[in-house]
Every structure is written in structure tokens, then in C-alpha cells.
Amino acid sequence: MNALDDIAAERRRQIEVEGWSPRHDDKHANGQLAGAAATYAMAAGVHDGDRGMLNFPSRFDLYSNDAITAFKLLWPWSTSWWKPTSRRRDLVKAGALIVAEIERLDRAEARERAAP
């Protein structure tokens, strides 16, 4: 598989396994999907030796630098949904969440155009 195939497969997994349907995603109209994507993309930028600091909440609260504050501000949901793994996997999750947000924006725009 290549990167785009992996992102598409993750998006399908989010829908089919997690149940995050387009209807569900449409309820997140305040940037939550983009914030979650940004958080996973930022996590991918954390050096392998420092990835342990990405665990919510116990280790996370030990850090007070700007990057950790950004993680806390951007992550939109319960910390139980925060599941960083490897740098590549985090980028795949970020990519799938970006796709979800783009699709949500496209649906919202289509509804707006169709409204009388």
C-alpha cells in the first residue's frame, strides 16, 4: 500500500469500525475534525525518544511548554480517544481526519447552495 491508500483505508475504518459516519461528522462543525487532525500531525513531529510524553493525561500534565499547551487546546474530545502510536500511523490518522473535515465542508457547502 502507499500513503494515500493507507489514508483511504483509515477513513473507511473510522466509518465502518468506529461508526464516524458523515452524519456524525456533520455534527462537528466547529473545527473539531481539523483540530484532531492537527494534533495527530503535531504528534508525528515528536521525536521517537520523546513520544512517551504524548500520553494523556498523566505524563502530559508534567509538561508545560507551548507544544503541550497546543496539544491540549487542539484535541477536541475526551482523552480516551487520543491514541498516538507511531509517527507514520499518526500521520495516516491525521490525513484521514483531514479528509473527513474536507468532506464535511463540501457537504455543508452543498446544503447551503441547495437551500432556497
C-alpha atoms as a PDB file:
ATOM      1  CA  MET A   1       0.000   0.000   0.000  1.00  0.00           C
ATOM      2  CA  ASN A   2       1.031   3.571  -0.467  1.00  0.00           C
ATOM      3  CA  ALA A   3       0.337   6.547   1.768  1.00  0.00           C
ATOM      4  CA  LEU A   4      -2.878   7.600   0.003  1.00  0.00           C
ATOM      5  CA  ASP A   5      -4.212   4.031   0.153  1.00  0.00           C
ATOM      6  CA  ASP A   6      -3.419   3.925   3.867  1.00  0.00           C
ATOM      7  CA  ILE A   7      -5.281   7.198   4.467  1.00  0.00           C
ATOM      8  CA  ALA A   8      -8.296   5.937   2.499  1.00  0.00           C
ATOM      9  CA  ALA A   9      -8.243   2.663   4.456  1.00  0.00           C
ATOM     10  CA  GLU A  10      -8.087   4.586   7.757  1.00  0.00           C
ATOM     11  CA  ARG A  11     -11.006   6.755   6.702  1.00  0.00           C
ATOM     12  CA  ARG A  12     -13.018   3.612   5.874  1.00  0.00           C
ATOM     13  CA  ARG A  13     -12.025   2.144   9.248  1.00  0.00           C
ATOM     14  CA  GLN A  14     -13.186   5.295  11.026  1.00  0.00           C
ATOM     15  CA  ILE A  15     -16.582   4.958   9.355  1.00  0.00           C
ATOM     16  CA  GLU A  16     -17.044   1.187   9.423  1.00  0.00           C
ATOM     17  CA  VAL A  17     -15.407   0.274  12.743  1.00  0.00           C
ATOM     18  CA  GLU A  18     -15.692   3.428  14.842  1.00  0.00           C
ATOM     19  CA  GLY A  19     -19.050   4.470  13.364  1.00  0.00           C
ATOM     20  CA  TRP A  20     -17.959   8.005  12.491  1.00  0.00           C
ATOM     21  CA  SER A  21     -20.381   8.386   9.619  1.00  0.00           C
ATOM     22  CA  PRO A  22     -20.745  11.530   7.520  1.00  0.00           C
ATOM     23  CA  ARG A  23     -23.894  12.315   9.520  1.00  0.00           C
ATOM     24  CA  HIS A  24     -21.871  12.074  12.740  1.00  0.00           C
ATOM     25  CA  ASP A  25     -19.046  14.172  11.290  1.00  0.00           C
ATOM     26  CA  ASP A  26     -21.527  16.875  10.259  1.00  0.00           C
ATOM     27  CA  LYS A  27     -22.190  17.481  13.962  1.00  0.00           C
ATOM     28  CA  HIS A  28     -18.560  18.597  14.383  1.00  0.00           C
ATOM     29  CA  ALA A  29     -18.905  21.949  12.646  1.00  0.00           C
ATOM     30  CA  ASN A  30     -16.630  23.920  14.975  1.00  0.00           C
ATOM     31  CA  GLY A  31     -13.276  22.701  13.727  1.00  0.00           C
ATOM     32  CA  GLN A  32     -13.089  19.552  15.839  1.00  0.00           C
ATOM     33  CA  LEU A  33     -12.051  17.285  12.969  1.00  0.00           C
ATOM     34  CA  ALA A  34      -9.385  19.738  11.831  1.00  0.00           C
ATOM     35  CA  GLY A  35      -8.174  20.154  15.418  1.00  0.00           C
ATOM     36  CA  ALA A  36      -7.885  16.404  15.875  1.00  0.00           C
ATOM     37  CA  ALA A  37      -6.026  16.117  12.559  1.00  0.00           C
ATOM     38  CA  ALA A  38      -3.651  18.895  13.585  1.00  0.00           C
ATOM     39  CA  THR A  39      -2.994  17.193  16.903  1.00  0.00           C
ATOM     40  CA  TYR A  40      -2.081  13.893  15.263  1.00  0.00           C
ATOM     41  CA  ALA A  41       0.099  15.709  12.713  1.00  0.00           C
ATOM     42  CA  MET A  42       1.876  17.539  15.543  1.00  0.00           C
ATOM     43  CA  ALA A  43       2.334  14.239  17.389  1.00  0.00           C
ATOM     44  CA  ALA A  44       4.070  12.836  14.325  1.00  0.00           C
ATOM     45  CA  GLY A  45       6.606  15.635  14.682  1.00  0.00           C
ATOM     46  CA  VAL A  46       7.622  14.487  18.141  1.00  0.00           C
ATOM     47  CA  HIS A  47      10.941  12.649  18.090  1.00  0.00           C
ATOM     48  CA  ASP A  48      10.693   8.912  18.748  1.00  0.00           C
ATOM     49  CA  GLY A  49      12.601   9.240  22.010  1.00  0.00           C
ATOM     50  CA  ASP A  50      10.082  11.763  23.347  1.00  0.00           C
ATOM     51  CA  ARG A  51       6.853  10.097  22.225  1.00  0.00           C
ATOM     52  CA  GLY A  52       6.104   8.890  25.763  1.00  0.00           C
ATOM     53  CA  MET A  53       5.160  12.446  26.671  1.00  0.00           C
ATOM     54  CA  LEU A  54       2.192  12.202  24.298  1.00  0.00           C
ATOM     55  CA  ASN A  55       0.172  10.051  26.677  1.00  0.00           C
ATOM     56  CA  PHE A  56      -2.846  11.756  28.231  1.00  0.00           C
ATOM     57  CA  PRO A  57      -3.278  12.696  30.997  1.00  0.00           C
ATOM     58  CA  SER A  58      -0.619  11.593  33.467  1.00  0.00           C
ATOM     59  CA  ARG A  59       2.604  12.245  31.571  1.00  0.00           C
ATOM     60  CA  PHE A  60       1.002  15.003  29.515  1.00  0.00           C
ATOM     61  CA  ASP A  61       0.400  17.141  32.572  1.00  0.00           C
ATOM     62  CA  LEU A  62       4.070  17.025  33.540  1.00  0.00           C
ATOM     63  CA  TYR A  63       4.957  19.229  30.587  1.00  0.00           C
ATOM     64  CA  SER A  64       4.102  22.890  30.408  1.00  0.00           C
ATOM     65  CA  ASN A  65       5.757  24.014  27.190  1.00  0.00           C
ATOM     66  CA  ASP A  66       3.908  25.634  24.326  1.00  0.00           C
ATOM     67  CA  ALA A  67       3.686  22.440  22.259  1.00  0.00           C
ATOM     68  CA  ILE A  68       1.902  20.569  25.036  1.00  0.00           C
ATOM     69  CA  THR A  69      -0.446  23.502  25.553  1.00  0.00           C
ATOM     70  CA  ALA A  70      -1.210  23.410  21.820  1.00  0.00           C
ATOM     71  CA  PHE A  71      -1.988  19.685  22.022  1.00  0.00           C
ATOM     72  CA  LYS A  72      -4.394  20.296  24.881  1.00  0.00           C
ATOM     73  CA  LEU A  73      -6.091  23.195  23.088  1.00  0.00           C
ATOM     74  CA  LEU A  74      -6.470  21.406  19.762  1.00  0.00           C
ATOM     75  CA  TRP A  75      -7.599  17.964  20.916  1.00  0.00           C
ATOM     76  CA  PRO A  76     -11.397  18.307  20.822  1.00  0.00           C
ATOM     77  CA  TRP A  77     -12.624  15.147  22.536  1.00  0.00           C
ATOM     78  CA  SER A  78     -12.177  13.015  25.600  1.00  0.00           C
ATOM     79  CA  THR A  79      -8.599  11.963  26.188  1.00  0.00           C
ATOM     80  CA  SER A  80      -9.746   8.336  25.950  1.00  0.00           C
ATOM     81  CA  TRP A  81      -9.953   8.873  22.179  1.00  0.00           C
ATOM     82  CA  TRP A  82      -6.345  10.126  21.954  1.00  0.00           C
ATOM     83  CA  LYS A  83      -4.334   7.163  20.689  1.00  0.00           C
ATOM     84  CA  PRO A  84      -0.944   8.151  19.302  1.00  0.00           C
ATOM     85  CA  THR A  85       1.114   5.239  18.050  1.00  0.00           C
ATOM     86  CA  SER A  86       3.940   5.541  15.538  1.00  0.00           C
ATOM     87  CA  ARG A  87       4.851   8.692  13.680  1.00  0.00           C
ATOM     88  CA  ARG A  88       3.649   7.253  10.373  1.00  0.00           C
ATOM     89  CA  ARG A  89       0.398   5.926  11.836  1.00  0.00           C
ATOM     90  CA  ASP A  90      -0.288   9.309  13.434  1.00  0.00           C
ATOM     91  CA  LEU A  91       0.144  10.952  10.021  1.00  0.00           C
ATOM     92  CA  VAL A  92      -2.259   8.451   8.464  1.00  0.00           C
ATOM     93  CA  LYS A  93      -4.836   9.273  11.167  1.00  0.00           C
ATOM     94  CA  ALA A  94      -4.256  12.992  10.579  1.00  0.00           C
ATOM     95  CA  GLY A  95      -4.737  12.527   6.836  1.00  0.00           C
ATOM     96  CA  ALA A  96      -7.990  10.616   7.318  1.00  0.00           C
ATOM     97  CA  LEU A  97      -9.283  13.285   9.689  1.00  0.00           C
ATOM     98  CA  ILE A  98      -8.379  15.980   7.167  1.00  0.00           C
ATOM     99  CA  VAL A  99     -10.345  14.065   4.522  1.00  0.00           C
ATOM    100  CA  ALA A 100     -13.294  13.835   6.936  1.00  0.00           C
ATOM    101  CA  GLU A 101     -13.180  17.603   7.513  1.00  0.00           C
ATOM    102  CA  ILE A 102     -12.932  18.391   3.792  1.00  0.00           C
ATOM    103  CA  GLU A 103     -15.877  16.095   3.082  1.00  0.00           C
ATOM    104  CA  ARG A 104     -17.852  17.745   5.899  1.00  0.00           C
ATOM    105  CA  LEU A 105     -17.127  21.199   4.470  1.00  0.00           C
ATOM    106  CA  ASP A 106     -18.158  20.026   0.997  1.00  0.00           C
ATOM    107  CA  ARG A 107     -21.469  18.646   2.319  1.00  0.00           C
ATOM    108  CA  ALA A 108     -22.150  21.866   4.232  1.00  0.00           C
ATOM    109  CA  GLU A 109     -21.455  23.942   1.116  1.00  0.00           C
ATOM    110  CA  ALA A 110     -23.718  21.705  -0.997  1.00  0.00           C
ATOM    111  CA  ARG A 111     -26.541  22.093   1.546  1.00  0.00           C
ATOM    112  CA  GLU A 112     -26.045  25.839   1.545  1.00  0.00           C
ATOM    113  CA  ARG A 113     -26.190  26.018  -2.259  1.00  0.00           C
ATOM    114  CA  ALA A 114     -29.320  23.847  -2.311  1.00  0.00           C
ATOM    115  CA  ALA A 115     -31.145  25.959   0.279  1.00  0.00           C
ATOM    116  CA  PRO A 116     -33.808  28.290  -1.153  1.00  0.00           C
END
